[in-house]
PDB file of N, CA and C in Angstrom:
ATOM      1  N   UNK A   1     214.696 193.692 127.246  1.00  0.00           N
ATOM      2  CA  UNK A   1     213.374 193.147 126.937  1.00  0.00           C
ATOM      3  C   UNK A   1     213.224 192.994 125.431  1.00  0.00           C
ATOM      4  N   UNK A   2     212.379 192.067 125.028  1.00  0.00           N
ATOM      5  CA  UNK A   2     212.108 191.856 123.602  1.00  0.00           C
ATOM      6  C   UNK A   2     210.689 191.339 123.431  1.00  0.00           C
ATOM      7  N   UNK A   3     209.973 191.888 122.451  1.00  0.00           N
ATOM      8  CA  UNK A   3     208.635 191.423 122.092  1.00  0.00           C
ATOM      9  C   UNK A   3     208.720 190.678 120.771  1.00  0.00           C
ATOM     10  N   UNK A   4     208.133 189.480 120.732  1.00  0.00           N
ATOM     11  CA  UNK A   4     208.109 188.698 119.493  1.00  0.00           C
ATOM     12  C   UNK A   4     206.648 188.496 119.106  1.00  0.00           C
ATOM     13  N   UNK A   5     206.229 189.061 117.957  1.00  0.00           N
ATOM     14  CA  UNK A   5     204.817 188.987 117.567  1.00  0.00           C
ATOM     15  C   UNK A   5     204.448 187.631 116.959  1.00  0.00           C
ATOM     16  N   UNK A   6     203.179 187.274 117.133  1.00  0.00           N
ATOM     17  CA  UNK A   6     202.619 186.092 116.474  1.00  0.00           C
ATOM     18  C   UNK A   6     201.653 186.588 115.405  1.00  0.00           C
ATOM     19  N   UNK A   7     202.168 186.831 114.194  1.00  0.00           N
ATOM     20  CA  UNK A   7     201.312 187.357 113.130  1.00  0.00           C
ATOM     21  C   UNK A   7     200.359 186.291 112.591  1.00  0.00           C
ATOM     22  N   UNK A   8     200.529 185.032 113.001  1.00  0.00           N
ATOM     23  CA  UNK A   8     199.630 183.957 112.561  1.00  0.00           C
ATOM     24  C   UNK A   8     198.307 183.974 113.316  1.00  0.00           C
ATOM     25  N   UNK A   9     198.249 184.661 114.448  1.00  0.00           N
ATOM     26  CA  UNK A   9     197.027 184.663 115.269  1.00  0.00           C
ATOM     27  C   UNK A   9     195.862 185.295 114.515  1.00  0.00           C
ATOM     28  N   UNK A  10     194.711 184.617 114.544  1.00  0.00           N
ATOM     29  CA  UNK A  10     193.488 185.118 113.906  1.00  0.00           C
ATOM     30  C   UNK A  10     192.398 185.229 114.969  1.00  0.00           C
ATOM     31  N   UNK A  11     192.000 186.449 115.284  1.00  0.00           N
ATOM     32  CA  UNK A  11     190.992 186.636 116.330  1.00  0.00           C
ATOM     33  C   UNK A  11     189.625 186.093 115.896  1.00  0.00           C
ATOM     34  N   UNK A  12     189.427 185.910 114.598  1.00  0.00           N
ATOM     35  CA  UNK A  12     188.146 185.413 114.098  1.00  0.00           C
ATOM     36  C   UNK A  12     187.992 183.898 114.280  1.00  0.00           C
ATOM     37  N   UNK A  13     189.085 183.193 114.561  1.00  0.00           N
ATOM     38  CA  UNK A  13     189.007 181.748 114.747  1.00  0.00           C
ATOM     39  C   UNK A  13     188.454 181.428 116.125  1.00  0.00           C
ATOM     40  N   UNK A  14     187.604 180.414 116.186  1.00  0.00           N
ATOM     41  CA  UNK A  14     187.032 180.005 117.467  1.00  0.00           C
ATOM     42  C   UNK A  14     188.039 179.173 118.260  1.00  0.00           C
ATOM     43  N   UNK A  15     188.291 179.587 119.500  1.00  0.00           N
ATOM     44  CA  UNK A  15     189.091 178.814 120.437  1.00  0.00           C
ATOM     45  C   UNK A  15     190.402 178.278 119.834  1.00  0.00           C
ATOM     46  N   UNK A  16     191.239 179.153 119.271  1.00  0.00           N
ATOM     47  CA  UNK A  16     192.475 178.667 118.644  1.00  0.00           C
ATOM     48  C   UNK A  16     193.468 178.114 119.670  1.00  0.00           C
ATOM     49  N   UNK A  17     194.202 177.083 119.273  1.00  0.00           N
ATOM     50  CA  UNK A  17     195.283 176.541 120.098  1.00  0.00           C
ATOM     51  C   UNK A  17     196.588 177.158 119.597  1.00  0.00           C
ATOM     52  N   UNK A  18     197.359 177.714 120.508  1.00  0.00           N
ATOM     53  CA  UNK A  18     198.592 178.408 120.128  1.00  0.00           C
ATOM     54  C   UNK A  18     199.784 177.660 120.701  1.00  0.00           C
ATOM     55  N   UNK A  19     200.769 177.419 119.851  1.00  0.00           N
ATOM     56  CA  UNK A  19     202.016 176.801 120.286  1.00  0.00           C
ATOM     57  C   UNK A  19     203.177 177.669 119.820  1.00  0.00           C
ATOM     58  N   UNK A  20     204.167 177.805 120.669  1.00  0.00           N
ATOM     59  CA  UNK A  20     205.409 178.480 120.304  1.00  0.00           C
ATOM     60  C   UNK A  20     206.530 177.458 120.355  1.00  0.00           C
ATOM     61  N   UNK A  21     207.407 177.500 119.364  1.00  0.00           N
ATOM     62  CA  UNK A  21     208.577 176.633 119.326  1.00  0.00           C
ATOM     63  C   UNK A  21     209.810 177.500 119.132  1.00  0.00           C
ATOM     64  N   UNK A  22     210.928 177.036 119.671  1.00  0.00           N
ATOM     65  CA  UNK A  22     212.207 177.741 119.544  1.00  0.00           C
ATOM     66  C   UNK A  22     213.173 176.828 118.818  1.00  0.00           C
ATOM     67  N   UNK A  23     213.722 177.333 117.706  1.00  0.00           N
ATOM     68  CA  UNK A  23     214.658 176.548 116.914  1.00  0.00           C
ATOM     69  C   UNK A  23     216.030 177.199 116.937  1.00  0.00           C
ATOM     70  N   UNK A  24     217.029 176.404 117.300  1.00  0.00           N
ATOM     71  CA  UNK A  24     218.408 176.863 117.290  1.00  0.00           C
ATOM     72  C   UNK A  24     219.223 175.744 116.666  1.00  0.00           C
ATOM     73  N   UNK A  25     219.716 175.984 115.458  1.00  0.00           N
ATOM     74  CA  UNK A  25     220.401 174.925 114.723  1.00  0.00           C
ATOM     75  C   UNK A  25     219.421 173.813 114.412  1.00  0.00           C
ATOM     76  N   UNK A  26     219.776 172.574 114.729  1.00  0.00           N
ATOM     77  CA  UNK A  26     218.883 171.446 114.456  1.00  0.00           C
ATOM     78  C   UNK A  26     217.984 171.132 115.651  1.00  0.00           C
ATOM     79  N   UNK A  27     218.122 171.907 116.722  1.00  0.00           N
ATOM     80  CA  UNK A  27     217.333 171.673 117.931  1.00  0.00           C
ATOM     81  C   UNK A  27     216.003 172.434 117.865  1.00  0.00           C
ATOM     82  N   UNK A  28     214.914 171.759 118.221  1.00  0.00           N
ATOM     83  CA  UNK A  28     213.580 172.380 118.248  1.00  0.00           C
ATOM     84  C   UNK A  28     212.977 172.126 119.632  1.00  0.00           C
ATOM     85  N   UNK A  29     212.635 173.204 120.333  1.00  0.00           N
ATOM     86  CA  UNK A  29     212.140 173.105 121.704  1.00  0.00           C
ATOM     87  C   UNK A  29     210.731 173.686 121.775  1.00  0.00           C
ATOM     88  N   UNK A  30     209.815 172.967 122.445  1.00  0.00           N
ATOM     89  CA  UNK A  30     208.493 173.522 122.709  1.00  0.00           C
ATOM     90  C   UNK A  30     208.645 174.606 123.766  1.00  0.00           C
ATOM     91  N   UNK A  31     208.148 175.784 123.439  1.00  0.00           N
ATOM     92  CA  UNK A  31     208.337 176.977 124.256  1.00  0.00           C
ATOM     93  C   UNK A  31     207.054 177.293 125.020  1.00  0.00           C
ATOM     94  N   UNK A  32     205.936 177.220 124.325  1.00  0.00           N
ATOM     95  CA  UNK A  32     204.613 177.443 124.925  1.00  0.00           C
ATOM     96  C   UNK A  32     203.699 176.369 124.361  1.00  0.00           C
ATOM     97  N   UNK A  33     203.115 175.556 125.240  1.00  0.00           N
ATOM     98  CA  UNK A  33     202.334 174.409 124.788  1.00  0.00           C
ATOM     99  C   UNK A  33     201.275 174.088 125.838  1.00  0.00           C
ATOM    100  N   UNK A  34     200.091 173.730 125.370  1.00  0.00           N
ATOM    101  CA  UNK A  34     199.025 173.344 126.298  1.00  0.00           C
ATOM    102  C   UNK A  34     198.631 174.438 127.265  1.00  0.00           C
ATOM    103  N   UNK A  35     198.776 175.696 126.813  1.00  0.00           N
ATOM    104  CA  UNK A  35     198.377 176.824 127.640  1.00  0.00           C
ATOM    105  C   UNK A  35     199.406 177.234 128.682  1.00  0.00           C
ATOM    106  N   UNK A  36     200.630 176.677 128.595  1.00  0.00           N
ATOM    107  CA  UNK A  36     201.649 177.009 129.585  1.00  0.00           C
ATOM    108  C   UNK A  36     203.017 177.222 128.943  1.00  0.00           C
ATOM    109  N   UNK A  37     203.771 178.150 129.538  1.00  0.00           N
ATOM    110  CA  UNK A  37     205.172 178.318 129.156  1.00  0.00           C
ATOM    111  C   UNK A  37     205.971 177.168 129.748  1.00  0.00           C
ATOM    112  N   UNK A  38     206.976 176.701 129.018  1.00  0.00           N
ATOM    113  CA  UNK A  38     207.822 175.627 129.512  1.00  0.00           C
ATOM    114  C   UNK A  38     209.054 176.206 130.210  1.00  0.00           C
ATOM    115  N   UNK A  39     209.741 175.376 130.968  1.00  0.00           N
ATOM    116  CA  UNK A  39     211.015 175.794 131.564  1.00  0.00           C
ATOM    117  C   UNK A  39     212.024 175.937 130.432  1.00  0.00           C
ATOM    118  N   UNK A  40     212.974 176.827 130.462  1.00  0.00           N
ATOM    119  CA  UNK A  40     213.280 177.790 131.519  1.00  0.00           C
ATOM    120  C   UNK A  40     212.651 179.158 131.273  1.00  0.00           C
ATOM    121  N   UNK A  41     211.556 179.207 130.526  1.00  0.00           N
ATOM    122  CA  UNK A  41     210.974 180.488 130.112  1.00  0.00           C
ATOM    123  C   UNK A  41     209.934 181.044 131.082  1.00  0.00           C
ATOM    124  N   UNK A  42     209.397 180.194 131.963  1.00  0.00           N
ATOM    125  CA  UNK A  42     208.282 180.589 132.835  1.00  0.00           C
ATOM    126  C   UNK A  42     208.533 181.878 133.603  1.00  0.00           C
ATOM    127  N   UNK A  43     209.741 182.071 134.089  1.00  0.00           N
ATOM    128  CA  UNK A  43     210.010 183.197 134.979  1.00  0.00           C
ATOM    129  C   UNK A  43     210.368 184.485 134.261  1.00  0.00           C
ATOM    130  N   UNK A  44     210.564 184.434 132.932  1.00  0.00           N
ATOM    131  CA  UNK A  44     211.000 185.666 132.265  1.00  0.00           C
ATOM    132  C   UNK A  44     210.261 185.970 130.966  1.00  0.00           C
ATOM    133  N   UNK A  45     209.178 185.251 130.710  1.00  0.00           N
ATOM    134  CA  UNK A  45     208.395 185.489 129.493  1.00  0.00           C
ATOM    135  C   UNK A  45     206.926 185.640 129.852  1.00  0.00           C
ATOM    136  N   UNK A  46     206.273 186.641 129.249  1.00  0.00           N
ATOM    137  CA  UNK A  46     204.827 186.809 129.383  1.00  0.00           C
ATOM    138  C   UNK A  46     204.191 186.430 128.057  1.00  0.00           C
ATOM    139  N   UNK A  47     203.063 185.710 128.127  1.00  0.00           N
ATOM    140  CA  UNK A  47     202.372 185.257 126.928  1.00  0.00           C
ATOM    141  C   UNK A  47     201.072 186.015 126.743  1.00  0.00           C
ATOM    142  N   UNK A  48     200.778 186.383 125.486  1.00  0.00           N
ATOM    143  CA  UNK A  48     199.436 186.800 125.075  1.00  0.00           C
ATOM    144  C   UNK A  48     199.227 186.166 123.705  1.00  0.00           C
ATOM    145  N   UNK A  49     197.998 186.087 123.215  1.00  0.00           N
ATOM    146  CA  UNK A  49     197.792 185.433 121.916  1.00  0.00           C
ATOM    147  C   UNK A  49     198.550 186.080 120.760  1.00  0.00           C
ATOM    148  N   UNK A  50     198.863 187.361 120.874  1.00  0.00           N
ATOM    149  CA  UNK A  50     199.491 188.054 119.746  1.00  0.00           C
ATOM    150  C   UNK A  50     200.986 188.312 119.914  1.00  0.00           C
ATOM    151  N   UNK A  51     201.531 188.073 121.114  1.00  0.00           N
ATOM    152  CA  UNK A  51     202.946 188.392 121.344  1.00  0.00           C
ATOM    153  C   UNK A  51     203.473 187.624 122.553  1.00  0.00           C
ATOM    154  N   UNK A  52     204.774 187.293 122.502  1.00  0.00           N
ATOM    155  CA  UNK A  52     205.453 186.857 123.718  1.00  0.00           C
ATOM    156  C   UNK A  52     206.455 187.951 124.072  1.00  0.00           C
ATOM    157  N   UNK A  53     206.553 188.237 125.364  1.00  0.00           N
ATOM    158  CA  UNK A  53     207.422 189.322 125.823  1.00  0.00           C
ATOM    159  C   UNK A  53     208.462 188.766 126.790  1.00  0.00           C
ATOM    160  N   UNK A  54     209.723 188.902 126.392  1.00  0.00           N
ATOM    161  CA  UNK A  54     210.831 188.523 127.263  1.00  0.00           C
ATOM    162  C   UNK A  54     211.145 189.704 128.175  1.00  0.00           C
ATOM    163  N   UNK A  55     211.238 189.469 129.483  1.00  0.00           N
ATOM    164  CA  UNK A  55     211.655 190.540 130.391  1.00  0.00           C
ATOM    165  C   UNK A  55     213.159 190.742 130.282  1.00  0.00           C
ATOM    166  N   UNK A  56     213.896 189.654 130.027  1.00  0.00           N
ATOM    167  CA  UNK A  56     215.339 189.738 129.783  1.00  0.00           C
ATOM    168  C   UNK A  56     215.694 188.772 128.653  1.00  0.00           C
ATOM    169  N   UNK A  57     216.708 189.121 127.893  1.00  0.00           N
ATOM    170  CA  UNK A  57     217.206 188.225 126.844  1.00  0.00           C
ATOM    171  C   UNK A  57     218.721 188.115 126.973  1.00  0.00           C
ATOM    172  N   UNK A  58     219.241 186.960 126.547  1.00  0.00           N
ATOM    173  CA  UNK A  58     220.679 186.743 126.504  1.00  0.00           C
ATOM    174  C   UNK A  58     221.030 186.197 125.124  1.00  0.00           C
ATOM    175  N   UNK A  59     222.294 186.051 124.867  1.00  0.00           N
ATOM    176  CA  UNK A  59     222.715 185.501 123.574  1.00  0.00           C
ATOM    177  C   UNK A  59     222.169 184.091 123.350  1.00  0.00           C
ATOM    178  N   UNK A  60     221.909 183.374 124.443  1.00  0.00           N
ATOM    179  CA  UNK A  60     221.344 182.025 124.340  1.00  0.00           C
ATOM    180  C   UNK A  60     219.939 182.039 123.719  1.00  0.00           C
ATOM    181  N   UNK A  61     219.270 183.190 123.750  1.00  0.00           N
ATOM    182  CA  UNK A  61     217.914 183.305 123.194  1.00  0.00           C
ATOM    183  C   UNK A  61     217.921 183.560 121.685  1.00  0.00           C
ATOM    184  N   UNK A  62     219.105 183.756 121.104  1.00  0.00           N
ATOM    185  CA  UNK A  62     219.210 183.954 119.656  1.00  0.00           C
ATOM    186  C   UNK A  62     218.731 182.700 118.939  1.00  0.00           C
ATOM    187  N   UNK A  63     217.835 182.886 117.969  1.00  0.00           N
ATOM    188  CA  UNK A  63     217.321 181.755 117.197  1.00  0.00           C
ATOM    189  C   UNK A  63     215.988 182.098 116.574  1.00  0.00           C
ATOM    190  N   UNK A  64     215.321 181.082 116.070  1.00  0.00           N
ATOM    191  CA  UNK A  64     214.035 181.264 115.383  1.00  0.00           C
ATOM    192  C   UNK A  64     212.892 180.889 116.313  1.00  0.00           C
ATOM    193  N   UNK A  65     211.919 181.783 116.416  1.00  0.00           N
ATOM    194  CA  UNK A  65     210.717 181.545 117.222  1.00  0.00           C
ATOM    195  C   UNK A  65     209.551 181.327 116.265  1.00  0.00           C
ATOM    196  N   UNK A  66     208.892 180.196 116.411  1.00  0.00           N
ATOM    197  CA  UNK A  66     207.819 179.789 115.496  1.00  0.00           C
ATOM    198  C   UNK A  66     206.504 179.771 116.273  1.00  0.00           C
ATOM    199  N   UNK A  67     205.540 180.536 115.786  1.00  0.00           N
ATOM    200  CA  UNK A  67     204.205 180.570 116.380  1.00  0.00           C
ATOM    201  C   UNK A  67     203.270 179.787 115.461  1.00  0.00           C
ATOM    202  N   UNK A  68     202.596 178.782 116.018  1.00  0.00           N
ATOM    203  CA  UNK A  68     201.666 177.970 115.232  1.00  0.00           C
ATOM    204  C   UNK A  68     200.289 178.072 115.870  1.00  0.00           C
ATOM    205  N   UNK A  69     199.294 178.426 115.062  1.00  0.00           N
ATOM    206  CA  UNK A  69     197.929 178.600 115.554  1.00  0.00           C
ATOM    207  C   UNK A  69     197.027 177.611 114.826  1.00  0.00           C
ATOM    208  N   UNK A  70     196.267 176.841 115.611  1.00  0.00           N
ATOM    209  CA  UNK A  70     195.362 175.840 115.031  1.00  0.00           C
ATOM    210  C   UNK A  70     193.947 176.176 115.475  1.00  0.00           C
ATOM    211  N   UNK A  71     193.050 176.362 114.491  1.00  0.00           N
ATOM    212  CA  UNK A  71     191.658 176.670 114.796  1.00  0.00           C
ATOM    213  C   UNK A  71     190.853 175.406 115.022  1.00  0.00           C
ATOM    214  N   UNK A  72     189.620 175.554 115.541  1.00  0.00           N
ATOM    215  CA  UNK A  72     188.814 174.366 115.844  1.00  0.00           C
ATOM    216  C   UNK A  72     188.251 173.694 114.597  1.00  0.00           C
ATOM    217  N   UNK A  73     188.417 174.312 113.437  1.00  0.00           N
ATOM    218  CA  UNK A  73     188.002 173.666 112.183  1.00  0.00           C
ATOM    219  C   UNK A  73     189.220 173.205 111.394  1.00  0.00           C
ATOM    220  N   UNK A  74     190.303 172.915 112.118  1.00  0.00           N
ATOM    221  CA  UNK A  74     191.562 172.408 111.548  1.00  0.00           C
ATOM    222  C   UNK A  74     192.307 173.411 110.676  1.00  0.00           C
ATOM    223  N   UNK A  75     191.969 174.702 110.791  1.00  0.00           N
ATOM    224  CA  UNK A  75     192.779 175.706 110.097  1.00  0.00           C
ATOM    225  C   UNK A  75     194.136 175.774 110.794  1.00  0.00           C
ATOM    226  N   UNK A  76     195.186 176.032 110.025  1.00  0.00           N
ATOM    227  CA  UNK A  76     196.525 176.166 110.601  1.00  0.00           C
ATOM    228  C   UNK A  76     197.192 177.400 110.007  1.00  0.00           C
ATOM    229  N   UNK A  77     197.793 178.201 110.874  1.00  0.00           N
ATOM    230  CA  UNK A  77     198.588 179.347 110.425  1.00  0.00           C
ATOM    231  C   UNK A  77     199.894 179.326 111.210  1.00  0.00           C
ATOM    232  N   UNK A  78     200.957 179.800 110.569  1.00  0.00           N
ATOM    233  CA  UNK A  78     202.271 179.760 111.203  1.00  0.00           C
ATOM    234  C   UNK A  78     203.022 181.031 110.872  1.00  0.00           C
ATOM    235  N   UNK A  79     203.753 181.561 111.846  1.00  0.00           N
ATOM    236  CA  UNK A  79     204.640 182.697 111.582  1.00  0.00           C
ATOM    237  C   UNK A  79     205.970 182.430 112.273  1.00  0.00           C
ATOM    238  N   UNK A  80     207.023 183.012 111.711  1.00  0.00           N
ATOM    239  CA  UNK A  80     208.362 182.813 112.251  1.00  0.00           C
ATOM    240  C   UNK A  80     209.057 184.154 112.421  1.00  0.00           C
ATOM    241  N   UNK A  81     209.837 184.266 113.494  1.00  0.00           N
ATOM    242  CA  UNK A  81     210.618 185.466 113.751  1.00  0.00           C
ATOM    243  C   UNK A  81     212.021 185.028 114.159  1.00  0.00           C
ATOM    244  N   UNK A  82     213.033 185.643 113.559  1.00  0.00           N
ATOM    245  CA  UNK A  82     214.413 185.396 113.968  1.00  0.00           C
ATOM    246  C   UNK A  82     214.813 186.460 114.975  1.00  0.00           C
ATOM    247  N   UNK A  83     215.243 186.019 116.148  1.00  0.00           N
ATOM    248  CA  UNK A  83     215.712 186.930 117.181  1.00  0.00           C
ATOM    249  C   UNK A  83     217.234 186.856 117.223  1.00  0.00           C
ATOM    250  N   UNK A  84     217.866 188.009 117.128  1.00  0.00           N
ATOM    251  CA  UNK A  84     219.318 188.089 117.198  1.00  0.00           C
ATOM    252  C   UNK A  84     219.677 188.955 118.402  1.00  0.00           C
ATOM    253  N   UNK A  85     220.282 188.348 119.395  1.00  0.00           N
ATOM    254  CA  UNK A  85     220.693 189.073 120.592  1.00  0.00           C
ATOM    255  C   UNK A  85     222.179 189.402 120.444  1.00  0.00           C
ATOM    256  N   UNK A  86     222.483 190.687 120.417  1.00  0.00           N
ATOM    257  CA  UNK A  86     223.856 191.120 120.180  1.00  0.00           C
ATOM    258  C   UNK A  86     224.627 191.334 121.468  1.00  0.00           C
ATOM    259  N   UNK A  87     223.941 191.362 122.582  1.00  0.00           N
ATOM    260  CA  UNK A  87     224.561 191.542 123.901  1.00  0.00           C
ATOM    261  C   UNK A  87     223.528 191.163 124.934  1.00  0.00           C
ATOM    262  N   UNK A  88     223.741 191.499 126.177  1.00  0.00           N
ATOM    263  CA  UNK A  88     222.746 191.154 127.186  1.00  0.00           C
ATOM    264  C   UNK A  88     221.636 192.186 127.292  1.00  0.00           C
ATOM    265  N   UNK A  89     221.776 193.329 126.607  1.00  0.00           N
ATOM    266  CA  UNK A  89     220.774 194.394 126.686  1.00  0.00           C
ATOM    267  C   UNK A  89     220.091 194.643 125.352  1.00  0.00           C
ATOM    268  N   UNK A  90     220.844 194.669 124.277  1.00  0.00           N
ATOM    269  CA  UNK A  90     220.337 195.057 122.957  1.00  0.00           C
ATOM    270  C   UNK A  90     219.824 193.835 122.186  1.00  0.00           C
ATOM    271  N   UNK A  91     218.609 193.931 121.656  1.00  0.00           N
ATOM    272  CA  UNK A  91     218.051 192.834 120.857  1.00  0.00           C
ATOM    273  C   UNK A  91     217.423 193.396 119.601  1.00  0.00           C
ATOM    274  N   UNK A  92     217.519 192.652 118.513  1.00  0.00           N
ATOM    275  CA  UNK A  92     216.919 193.036 117.237  1.00  0.00           C
ATOM    276  C   UNK A  92     215.958 191.933 116.806  1.00  0.00           C
ATOM    277  N   UNK A  93     214.745 192.306 116.412  1.00  0.00           N
ATOM    278  CA  UNK A  93     213.773 191.327 115.936  1.00  0.00           C
ATOM    279  C   UNK A  93     213.613 191.522 114.427  1.00  0.00           C
ATOM    280  N   UNK A  94     213.819 190.439 113.676  1.00  0.00           N
ATOM    281  CA  UNK A  94     213.695 190.501 112.219  1.00  0.00           C
ATOM    282  C   UNK A  94     212.679 189.464 111.771  1.00  0.00           C
ATOM    283  N   UNK A  95     211.673 189.855 110.978  1.00  0.00           N
ATOM    284  CA  UNK A  95     210.673 188.881 110.514  1.00  0.00           C
ATOM    285  C   UNK A  95     211.263 187.899 109.509  1.00  0.00           C
TER     286      UNK A  95
END
């Protein structure tokens, strides 16, 4: 399991829109968008405004996770976390 925090989240913002993106090399994938997790993450990731929780991780999950929060007054905040999966069980999260 691995928890990836969204330090960009601001509880004081009204009705913030939250998006998660996954970057691996030059590839950028929408991970959480429009209030829903995308495939293939739906079955193994739990979402909350402040964290995403992987029930299982593999080496394929190694990469950069970008959390972008947009407030209703056009405020934007972004945080990034690099996830390094060293095996199928052990994971390290580095800000």
